[in-house]
N, C-alpha and C. Protein backbone atom coordinates (compact mmCIF):
# COMPACT_ATOMS: atom_id res chain seq x y z
N UNK A 1 79.56 -45.68 -12.86
CA UNK A 1 78.76 -46.42 -14.10
C UNK A 1 77.15 -47.00 -14.08
N UNK A 2 76.31 -46.59 -14.40
CA UNK A 2 74.72 -46.91 -14.20
C UNK A 2 74.37 -47.65 -15.43
N UNK A 3 73.84 -49.11 -15.19
CA UNK A 3 73.28 -49.67 -16.38
C UNK A 3 71.89 -50.11 -15.91
N UNK A 4 71.00 -50.01 -16.65
CA UNK A 4 69.47 -50.14 -16.73
C UNK A 4 69.12 -51.06 -17.41
N UNK A 5 68.47 -51.92 -17.10
CA UNK A 5 67.67 -53.30 -17.51
C UNK A 5 66.45 -53.34 -17.44
N UNK A 6 65.68 -53.45 -18.34
CA UNK A 6 64.08 -53.76 -17.98
C UNK A 6 63.97 -55.00 -18.77
N UNK A 7 63.16 -55.68 -17.71
CA UNK A 7 62.52 -56.88 -18.32
C UNK A 7 60.79 -56.94 -17.87
N UNK A 8 60.37 -57.29 -18.81
CA UNK A 8 59.08 -57.45 -18.72
C UNK A 8 58.54 -58.62 -18.10
N UNK A 9 57.71 -58.67 -17.15
CA UNK A 9 56.98 -59.57 -16.60
C UNK A 9 57.86 -61.03 -16.33
N UNK A 10 59.39 -60.57 -15.65
CA UNK A 10 60.10 -61.66 -15.21
C UNK A 10 59.60 -62.60 -14.22
N UNK A 11 60.27 -63.84 -14.63
CA UNK A 11 59.51 -64.97 -13.74
C UNK A 11 60.99 -64.83 -12.59
N UNK A 12 60.57 -65.48 -11.32
CA UNK A 12 61.13 -65.41 -10.33
C UNK A 12 62.41 -65.75 -10.41
N UNK A 13 62.89 -67.02 -11.49
CA UNK A 13 64.30 -67.64 -11.61
C UNK A 13 64.87 -66.46 -12.53
N UNK A 14 64.35 -65.83 -13.38
CA UNK A 14 65.02 -65.03 -14.15
C UNK A 14 65.48 -63.95 -13.41
N UNK A 15 64.53 -63.18 -12.80
CA UNK A 15 65.06 -62.12 -11.82
C UNK A 15 66.07 -62.77 -10.83
N UNK A 16 66.20 -63.76 -10.40
CA UNK A 16 67.54 -64.50 -9.37
C UNK A 16 68.51 -64.18 -10.29
N UNK A 17 68.80 -64.66 -11.44
CA UNK A 17 69.84 -64.78 -12.16
C UNK A 17 70.35 -63.19 -12.61
N UNK A 18 69.33 -62.51 -12.96
CA UNK A 18 69.88 -60.77 -13.20
C UNK A 18 70.29 -60.32 -12.04
N UNK A 19 69.72 -60.68 -10.78
CA UNK A 19 70.26 -59.72 -9.40
C UNK A 19 71.53 -60.54 -9.00
N UNK A 20 71.48 -61.86 -9.69
CA UNK A 20 73.15 -62.34 -9.41
C UNK A 20 74.22 -61.90 -10.35
N UNK A 21 74.02 -61.66 -11.50
CA UNK A 21 74.52 -60.93 -12.19
C UNK A 21 75.22 -59.62 -12.13
N UNK A 22 74.22 -58.92 -11.62
CA UNK A 22 74.65 -57.40 -10.98
C UNK A 22 75.39 -57.53 -9.85
N UNK A 23 75.34 -58.17 -8.93
CA UNK A 23 75.89 -58.53 -7.63
C UNK A 23 77.37 -58.43 -7.90
N UNK A 24 77.96 -57.12 -8.01
CA UNK A 24 79.43 -56.96 -8.09
C UNK A 24 79.71 -56.14 -6.65
N UNK A 25 80.81 -55.98 -6.41
CA UNK A 25 81.27 -55.04 -5.20
C UNK A 25 80.84 -53.84 -5.26
N UNK A 26 80.53 -53.01 -4.43
CA UNK A 26 79.98 -51.89 -4.46
C UNK A 26 78.67 -51.33 -5.36
N UNK A 27 78.35 -52.46 -6.01
CA UNK A 27 77.02 -52.26 -7.13
C UNK A 27 75.76 -51.89 -6.11
N UNK A 28 74.89 -50.92 -6.51
CA UNK A 28 73.95 -50.48 -6.23
C UNK A 28 72.73 -51.16 -7.00
N UNK A 29 72.02 -52.12 -6.46
CA UNK A 29 71.10 -52.92 -7.29
C UNK A 29 69.68 -53.02 -6.69
N UNK A 30 68.50 -52.62 -7.57
CA UNK A 30 67.45 -52.71 -7.19
C UNK A 30 66.33 -53.24 -8.34
N UNK A 31 65.26 -53.76 -7.81
CA UNK A 31 64.28 -54.34 -8.71
C UNK A 31 62.99 -53.79 -8.70
N UNK A 32 62.52 -52.94 -9.38
CA UNK A 32 60.96 -52.35 -9.31
C UNK A 32 59.96 -53.24 -10.31
N UNK A 33 58.96 -53.66 -9.58
CA UNK A 33 58.09 -54.57 -10.47
C UNK A 33 57.59 -53.64 -11.28
N UNK A 34 56.67 -54.25 -12.63
CA UNK A 34 56.45 -53.03 -13.55
C UNK A 34 55.14 -52.74 -13.26
N UNK A 35 54.44 -53.20 -12.26
CA UNK A 35 53.21 -52.60 -12.15
C UNK A 35 53.23 -51.88 -10.44
N UNK A 36 54.47 -51.35 -10.11
CA UNK A 36 54.58 -50.51 -9.25
C UNK A 36 54.95 -48.95 -9.70
N UNK A 37 54.24 -47.96 -8.94
CA UNK A 37 54.37 -46.63 -9.06
C UNK A 37 55.69 -46.25 -8.34
N UNK A 38 56.40 -45.69 -8.77
CA UNK A 38 57.76 -45.12 -8.32
C UNK A 38 57.55 -43.62 -8.34
N UNK A 39 58.57 -42.79 -7.42
CA UNK A 39 58.11 -41.28 -7.38
C UNK A 39 58.82 -40.78 -8.88
N UNK A 40 59.75 -41.68 -9.57
CA UNK A 40 60.30 -41.17 -10.93
C UNK A 40 59.02 -41.42 -11.68
N UNK A 41 58.62 -42.61 -11.60
CA UNK A 41 57.41 -42.91 -12.60
C UNK A 41 56.39 -41.72 -12.77
N UNK A 42 55.91 -41.54 -11.36
CA UNK A 42 54.90 -40.59 -11.01
C UNK A 42 55.00 -39.29 -11.58
N UNK A 43 56.27 -38.85 -11.57
CA UNK A 43 56.61 -37.25 -11.85
C UNK A 43 56.66 -37.44 -13.35
N UNK A 44 57.32 -38.56 -14.09
CA UNK A 44 56.98 -38.57 -15.44
C UNK A 44 55.50 -38.38 -16.12
N UNK A 45 54.91 -39.24 -15.32
CA UNK A 45 53.38 -39.27 -15.41
C UNK A 45 52.61 -37.87 -15.31
N UNK A 46 52.79 -37.51 -14.24
CA UNK A 46 52.51 -36.02 -13.71
C UNK A 46 52.79 -35.04 -14.82
N UNK A 47 54.14 -34.80 -15.16
CA UNK A 47 54.47 -33.85 -16.33
C UNK A 47 53.89 -34.03 -17.63
N UNK A 48 53.04 -35.05 -18.24
CA UNK A 48 52.46 -35.17 -18.95
C UNK A 48 51.08 -35.15 -19.36
N UNK A 49 50.49 -35.06 -18.13
CA UNK A 49 48.95 -35.02 -18.08
C UNK A 49 48.58 -33.45 -18.45
N UNK A 50 47.63 -33.09 -18.94
CA UNK A 50 46.89 -31.80 -19.07
C UNK A 50 46.71 -30.96 -17.97
N UNK A 51 46.84 -29.84 -17.99
CA UNK A 51 46.75 -29.02 -16.56
C UNK A 51 45.49 -29.53 -15.85
N UNK A 52 44.48 -29.68 -16.47
CA UNK A 52 43.21 -30.01 -15.45
C UNK A 52 43.49 -31.44 -14.49
N UNK A 53 43.88 -32.11 -15.50
CA UNK A 53 44.08 -33.65 -14.53
C UNK A 53 45.19 -33.47 -13.56
N UNK A 54 46.37 -32.78 -14.22
CA UNK A 54 47.52 -32.40 -13.02
C UNK A 54 46.59 -31.65 -11.74
N UNK A 55 45.87 -30.85 -11.81
CA UNK A 55 45.30 -30.16 -10.81
C UNK A 55 44.40 -31.13 -9.89
N UNK A 56 43.92 -32.14 -10.61
CA UNK A 56 43.42 -33.12 -9.94
C UNK A 56 44.12 -34.27 -9.01
N UNK A 57 45.03 -34.44 -9.67
CA UNK A 57 45.99 -35.34 -9.33
C UNK A 57 46.89 -34.68 -8.05
N UNK A 58 47.06 -33.44 -8.20
CA UNK A 58 47.55 -32.82 -7.09
C UNK A 58 46.59 -32.59 -5.96
N UNK A 59 45.38 -32.36 -5.77
CA UNK A 59 43.97 -32.28 -4.84
C UNK A 59 44.07 -33.75 -4.28
N UNK A 60 44.18 -34.62 -5.09
CA UNK A 60 44.08 -36.09 -4.35
C UNK A 60 45.19 -36.41 -3.68
N UNK A 61 46.48 -36.13 -4.06
CA UNK A 61 47.78 -36.17 -3.39
C UNK A 61 47.79 -35.73 -2.40
N UNK A 62 47.41 -34.00 -2.08
CA UNK A 62 47.50 -33.35 -1.10
C UNK A 62 46.05 -34.14 0.01
N UNK A 63 45.14 -34.46 -0.37
CA UNK A 63 44.12 -35.12 0.38
C UNK A 63 44.00 -36.48 0.94
N UNK A 64 45.47 -37.13 0.72
CA UNK A 64 45.83 -38.37 0.99
C UNK A 64 44.94 -39.63 -0.02
N UNK A 65 44.55 -39.04 -1.11
CA UNK A 65 44.30 -39.98 -1.79
C UNK A 65 42.76 -40.33 -2.41
N UNK A 66 42.20 -39.49 -1.87
CA UNK A 66 40.64 -39.34 -2.27
C UNK A 66 39.98 -38.28 -1.95
N UNK A 67 39.06 -37.52 -2.90
CA UNK A 67 38.44 -36.21 -3.01
C UNK A 67 37.06 -36.43 -3.56
N UNK A 68 36.06 -35.53 -2.73
CA UNK A 68 34.81 -36.05 -3.40
C UNK A 68 34.73 -35.23 -4.40
N UNK A 69 33.83 -35.57 -5.18
CA UNK A 69 33.31 -34.52 -6.66
C UNK A 69 33.04 -33.15 -6.54
N UNK A 70 32.73 -32.85 -5.43
CA UNK A 70 32.05 -31.67 -5.06
C UNK A 70 33.18 -30.99 -4.72
N UNK A 71 34.26 -31.40 -4.01
CA UNK A 71 35.47 -30.77 -3.79
C UNK A 71 36.41 -30.39 -5.01
N UNK A 72 36.30 -31.50 -5.81
CA UNK A 72 37.25 -31.45 -7.15
C UNK A 72 36.49 -30.15 -8.26
N UNK A 73 35.03 -29.95 -8.06
CA UNK A 73 34.50 -29.04 -8.95
C UNK A 73 34.45 -27.78 -7.90
N UNK A 74 34.91 -27.39 -6.98
CA UNK A 74 34.84 -26.24 -6.38
C UNK A 74 35.32 -25.21 -7.31
N UNK A 75 34.85 -24.00 -7.53
CA UNK A 75 35.39 -23.12 -8.07
C UNK A 75 34.63 -23.21 -9.28
N UNK A 76 33.72 -24.07 -9.63
CA UNK A 76 33.00 -24.13 -10.89
C UNK A 76 33.77 -25.19 -11.86
N UNK A 77 34.37 -25.68 -11.60
CA UNK A 77 35.59 -26.25 -12.39
C UNK A 77 34.97 -27.93 -12.89
N UNK A 78 34.84 -28.17 -13.74
CA UNK A 78 34.07 -29.27 -14.58
C UNK A 78 34.63 -30.36 -14.36
N UNK A 79 34.49 -31.61 -14.29
CA UNK A 79 34.90 -32.86 -14.40
C UNK A 79 35.13 -33.53 -15.48
N UNK A 80 34.13 -33.05 -16.11
CA UNK A 80 33.75 -33.81 -17.48
C UNK A 80 34.97 -33.76 -18.61
N UNK A 81 35.55 -35.12 -19.11
CA UNK A 81 36.58 -35.46 -19.72
C UNK A 81 37.74 -35.48 -18.89
N UNK A 82 37.85 -34.86 -17.76
CA UNK A 82 39.24 -34.57 -17.21
C UNK A 82 39.71 -35.99 -16.67
N UNK A 83 38.88 -36.84 -16.34
CA UNK A 83 39.11 -38.19 -15.90
C UNK A 83 40.02 -39.04 -16.97
N UNK A 84 39.53 -38.83 -18.17
CA UNK A 84 40.11 -39.45 -19.51
C UNK A 84 41.38 -39.38 -19.81
N UNK A 85 42.13 -38.31 -19.35
CA UNK A 85 43.29 -37.95 -19.74
C UNK A 85 44.34 -38.81 -18.84
N UNK A 86 43.81 -39.51 -17.51
CA UNK A 86 44.67 -40.39 -16.75
C UNK A 86 45.04 -41.67 -17.47
N UNK A 87 43.94 -42.26 -18.01
CA UNK A 87 44.17 -43.48 -18.89
C UNK A 87 44.61 -43.21 -20.06
N UNK A 88 44.68 -42.31 -20.80
CA UNK A 88 45.15 -42.18 -22.29
C UNK A 88 46.62 -41.68 -21.94
N UNK A 89 46.85 -40.75 -21.11
CA UNK A 89 48.50 -40.29 -21.06
C UNK A 89 49.30 -42.04 -20.38
N UNK A 90 48.65 -42.42 -19.74
CA UNK A 90 49.39 -43.55 -19.19
C UNK A 90 49.65 -44.78 -20.44
N UNK A 91 48.87 -44.87 -21.24
CA UNK A 91 48.73 -45.49 -22.48
C UNK A 91 49.65 -45.03 -23.32
N UNK A 92 49.80 -43.67 -23.90
CA UNK A 92 50.32 -43.28 -24.27
C UNK A 92 52.40 -43.25 -23.90
N UNK A 93 52.54 -43.00 -22.57
CA UNK A 93 53.82 -43.41 -21.87
C UNK A 93 54.10 -44.57 -22.02
N UNK A 94 53.26 -45.93 -22.12
CA UNK A 94 53.78 -46.89 -22.02
C UNK A 94 54.23 -47.46 -23.56
N UNK A 95 53.16 -46.82 -24.45
CA UNK A 95 53.78 -47.32 -25.74
C UNK A 95 54.95 -46.44 -26.29
N UNK A 96 55.22 -45.37 -25.58
CA UNK A 96 56.48 -44.86 -25.94
C UNK A 96 57.97 -45.24 -25.18
N UNK A 97 57.37 -46.24 -24.01
CA UNK A 97 58.58 -46.84 -23.36
C UNK A 97 58.99 -45.76 -22.25
N UNK A 98 58.21 -44.93 -21.82
CA UNK A 98 58.44 -44.31 -20.61
C UNK A 98 58.25 -45.00 -19.05
N UNK A 99 57.55 -45.96 -19.30
CA UNK A 99 57.33 -46.73 -18.00
C UNK A 99 56.80 -48.11 -18.69
N UNK A 100 56.65 -49.10 -17.66
CA UNK A 100 56.33 -50.20 -18.08
C UNK A 100 54.62 -50.32 -18.47
N UNK A 101 54.31 -51.32 -19.20
CA UNK A 101 52.95 -51.44 -19.56
C UNK A 101 52.04 -52.18 -18.41
N UNK A 102 52.81 -52.62 -17.34
CA UNK A 102 52.11 -53.12 -16.36
C UNK A 102 51.56 -52.08 -15.15
N UNK A 103 51.95 -50.58 -15.43
CA UNK A 103 51.37 -49.69 -14.38
C UNK A 103 49.82 -49.57 -14.78
N UNK A 104 49.04 -49.86 -13.78
CA UNK A 104 47.91 -49.34 -13.35
C UNK A 104 47.50 -47.66 -13.43
N UNK A 105 46.28 -47.46 -14.04
CA UNK A 105 46.05 -45.89 -13.66
C UNK A 105 45.91 -45.62 -12.43
N UNK A 106 46.41 -44.57 -11.99
CA UNK A 106 46.68 -43.97 -10.40
C UNK A 106 45.32 -43.64 -9.54
N UNK A 107 44.35 -43.36 -10.74
CA UNK A 107 43.02 -42.73 -10.17
C UNK A 107 42.29 -43.56 -10.56
N UNK A 108 41.03 -43.67 -9.54
CA UNK A 108 39.64 -44.04 -10.11
C UNK A 108 38.54 -43.25 -9.67
N UNK A 109 37.42 -43.39 -10.38
CA UNK A 109 36.07 -42.95 -10.45
C UNK A 109 35.35 -43.57 -9.52
N UNK A 110 34.82 -43.30 -8.38
CA UNK A 110 33.79 -43.93 -7.54
C UNK A 110 32.23 -43.24 -8.01
N UNK A 111 31.22 -44.27 -8.72
CA UNK A 111 30.21 -43.62 -9.17
C UNK A 111 29.32 -44.61 -8.41
N UNK A 112 27.95 -44.03 -7.99
CA UNK A 112 27.02 -44.42 -7.28
C UNK A 112 25.66 -44.35 -8.12
N UNK A 113 25.06 -44.94 -8.59
CA UNK A 113 23.75 -44.82 -8.99
C UNK A 113 23.94 -43.57 -10.10
N UNK A 114 24.99 -43.92 -11.16
CA UNK A 114 25.19 -43.44 -12.26
C UNK A 114 25.90 -41.86 -11.92
N UNK A 115 25.94 -41.47 -10.42
CA UNK A 115 26.70 -40.01 -10.15
C UNK A 115 28.08 -40.41 -9.65
N UNK A 116 28.76 -39.38 -10.08
CA UNK A 116 30.33 -39.41 -9.63
C UNK A 116 30.30 -38.71 -8.25
N UNK A 117 30.77 -39.59 -7.49
CA UNK A 117 30.77 -39.26 -5.95
C UNK A 117 32.34 -38.84 -5.58
N UNK A 118 33.31 -39.70 -6.25
CA UNK A 118 34.57 -38.84 -5.37
C UNK A 118 35.49 -39.65 -6.83
N UNK A 119 36.82 -39.21 -6.64
CA UNK A 119 37.90 -39.79 -7.28
C UNK A 119 38.85 -40.18 -6.35
N UNK A 120 39.68 -41.03 -6.17
CA UNK A 120 40.38 -41.82 -5.27
C UNK A 120 41.66 -42.53 -6.00
N UNK A 121 42.86 -42.63 -5.14
CA UNK A 121 43.74 -43.58 -5.89
C UNK A 121 43.60 -44.63 -4.88
N UNK A 122 43.25 -45.79 -5.89
CA UNK A 122 43.05 -47.21 -5.07
C UNK A 122 44.09 -47.52 -4.16
N UNK A 123 43.83 -48.15 -3.18
CA UNK A 123 44.51 -48.60 -1.78
C UNK A 123 44.70 -50.12 -2.37
N UNK A 124 45.84 -50.60 -1.41
CA UNK A 124 46.19 -52.14 -1.86
C UNK A 124 47.56 -52.26 -1.95
N UNK A 125 48.25 -53.32 -2.52
CA UNK A 125 49.34 -54.08 -2.60
C UNK A 125 50.42 -52.87 -3.37
N UNK A 126 49.88 -52.29 -4.35
CA UNK A 126 50.74 -51.49 -5.12
C UNK A 126 50.05 -50.19 -5.38
N UNK A 127 49.82 -49.36 -3.95
CA UNK A 127 49.25 -48.31 -3.58
C UNK A 127 50.14 -47.30 -4.26
N UNK A 128 49.69 -46.21 -5.03
CA UNK A 128 50.32 -45.33 -5.90
C UNK A 128 50.57 -43.85 -4.92
N UNK A 129 49.72 -43.72 -3.86
CA UNK A 129 49.89 -42.53 -3.22
C UNK A 129 51.41 -42.22 -2.62
N UNK A 130 51.86 -43.15 -2.14
CA UNK A 130 53.03 -42.63 -1.38
C UNK A 130 54.20 -42.23 -2.79
N UNK A 131 54.23 -42.90 -3.93
CA UNK A 131 55.07 -42.65 -5.04
C UNK A 131 54.50 -41.20 -5.24
N UNK A 132 53.15 -40.96 -5.48
CA UNK A 132 52.88 -39.63 -6.14
C UNK A 132 53.10 -38.51 -4.84
N UNK A 133 52.92 -38.70 -3.91
CA UNK A 133 53.61 -37.87 -2.63
C UNK A 133 54.93 -37.44 -2.74
N UNK A 134 55.95 -38.33 -3.02
CA UNK A 134 57.12 -37.97 -3.06
C UNK A 134 57.55 -37.28 -4.10
N UNK A 135 56.75 -37.70 -5.41
CA UNK A 135 57.25 -37.17 -6.74
C UNK A 135 56.65 -35.55 -6.50
N UNK A 136 55.30 -35.34 -6.00
CA UNK A 136 54.88 -34.32 -5.94
C UNK A 136 55.36 -33.28 -4.94
N UNK A 137 55.81 -33.50 -4.09
CA UNK A 137 56.16 -32.81 -2.42
C UNK A 137 56.74 -31.41 -3.19
N UNK A 138 57.69 -31.39 -3.77
CA UNK A 138 57.88 -29.85 -4.04
C UNK A 138 57.26 -29.00 -4.98
N UNK A 139 56.14 -29.67 -5.42
CA UNK A 139 54.95 -28.75 -5.88
C UNK A 139 53.88 -28.44 -4.75
N UNK A 140 53.35 -29.54 -4.15
CA UNK A 140 52.53 -29.30 -2.73
C UNK A 140 52.84 -28.70 -1.88
N UNK A 141 54.16 -28.90 -1.43
CA UNK A 141 54.43 -28.37 0.03
C UNK A 141 56.36 -27.82 -0.57
N UNK A 142 55.99 -26.54 -1.00
CA UNK A 142 57.25 -26.22 -1.30
C UNK A 142 58.31 -25.65 -0.46
N UNK A 143 57.64 -25.27 0.72
CA UNK A 143 58.27 -25.16 2.39
C UNK A 143 57.75 -26.12 2.99
N UNK A 144 58.57 -26.24 4.22
CA UNK A 144 58.52 -27.35 5.02
C UNK A 144 56.64 -27.77 5.18
N UNK A 145 56.56 -28.60 5.44
CA UNK A 145 54.95 -29.18 5.49
C UNK A 145 54.28 -28.51 6.74
N UNK A 146 53.13 -28.30 6.58
CA UNK A 146 52.16 -28.04 7.66
C UNK A 146 50.87 -28.66 7.87
N UNK A 147 51.49 -30.15 8.00
CA UNK A 147 50.55 -31.11 8.08
C UNK A 147 50.75 -31.84 9.72
N UNK A 148 49.76 -32.31 10.18
CA UNK A 148 49.41 -32.93 11.31
C UNK A 148 50.49 -34.53 11.44
N UNK A 149 50.51 -35.26 10.33
CA UNK A 149 51.68 -36.04 10.16
C UNK A 149 52.68 -35.85 9.37
N UNK A 150 53.57 -37.10 9.73
CA UNK A 150 55.00 -36.69 9.10
C UNK A 150 55.03 -37.15 7.90
N UNK A 151 56.12 -37.08 6.96
CA UNK A 151 55.86 -37.45 5.41
C UNK A 151 56.90 -38.78 5.80
N UNK A 152 56.46 -39.72 4.85
CA UNK A 152 57.37 -41.01 5.12
C UNK A 152 58.70 -41.07 5.37
N UNK A 153 59.46 -40.45 4.83
CA UNK A 153 60.83 -40.18 4.19
C UNK A 153 61.27 -39.44 5.51
N UNK A 154 60.51 -38.75 6.24
CA UNK A 154 60.88 -37.90 7.33
C UNK A 154 60.88 -38.75 9.13
N UNK A 155 61.80 -38.34 9.50
CA UNK A 155 61.58 -39.28 10.80
C UNK A 155 60.42 -38.84 11.86
N UNK A 156 59.75 -39.49 12.62
CA UNK A 156 58.50 -39.01 13.28
C UNK A 156 59.28 -38.18 14.59
N UNK A 157 58.41 -37.20 15.01
CA UNK A 157 59.11 -36.38 15.84
C UNK A 157 58.28 -36.82 17.18
């Protein structure tokens, strides 16, 4: 049996009580903050993006979270309007209850002097990159990876 309870912005006391209620023998309990990307949230978000935004997200994920605007424009592809989809799809999904409203847009534009220089996944405490790497792994690396570093879920060799 699986029971899912969603509590937006729980206080530490409420979270403590909820986890105590769920503490039954052989129960598997996890609490994911509303502002944290998970592989499941990342994949659901990716699946709802338009094709060009999906392509940008795949490129960012494959490039460890940062791509220059020139790289993203390769093959003559335009970036105009593409980045707006990230915010729009996030808001639509939150409104539909697909993910919590506390999630932040997983990408940001780096603009210098009015010119788009790059797009990146913001680093920090709630770094979305690892969630998107896990979520998009079957798309980006359908066969064993040919990367110099190992995937976080794989043991280092």
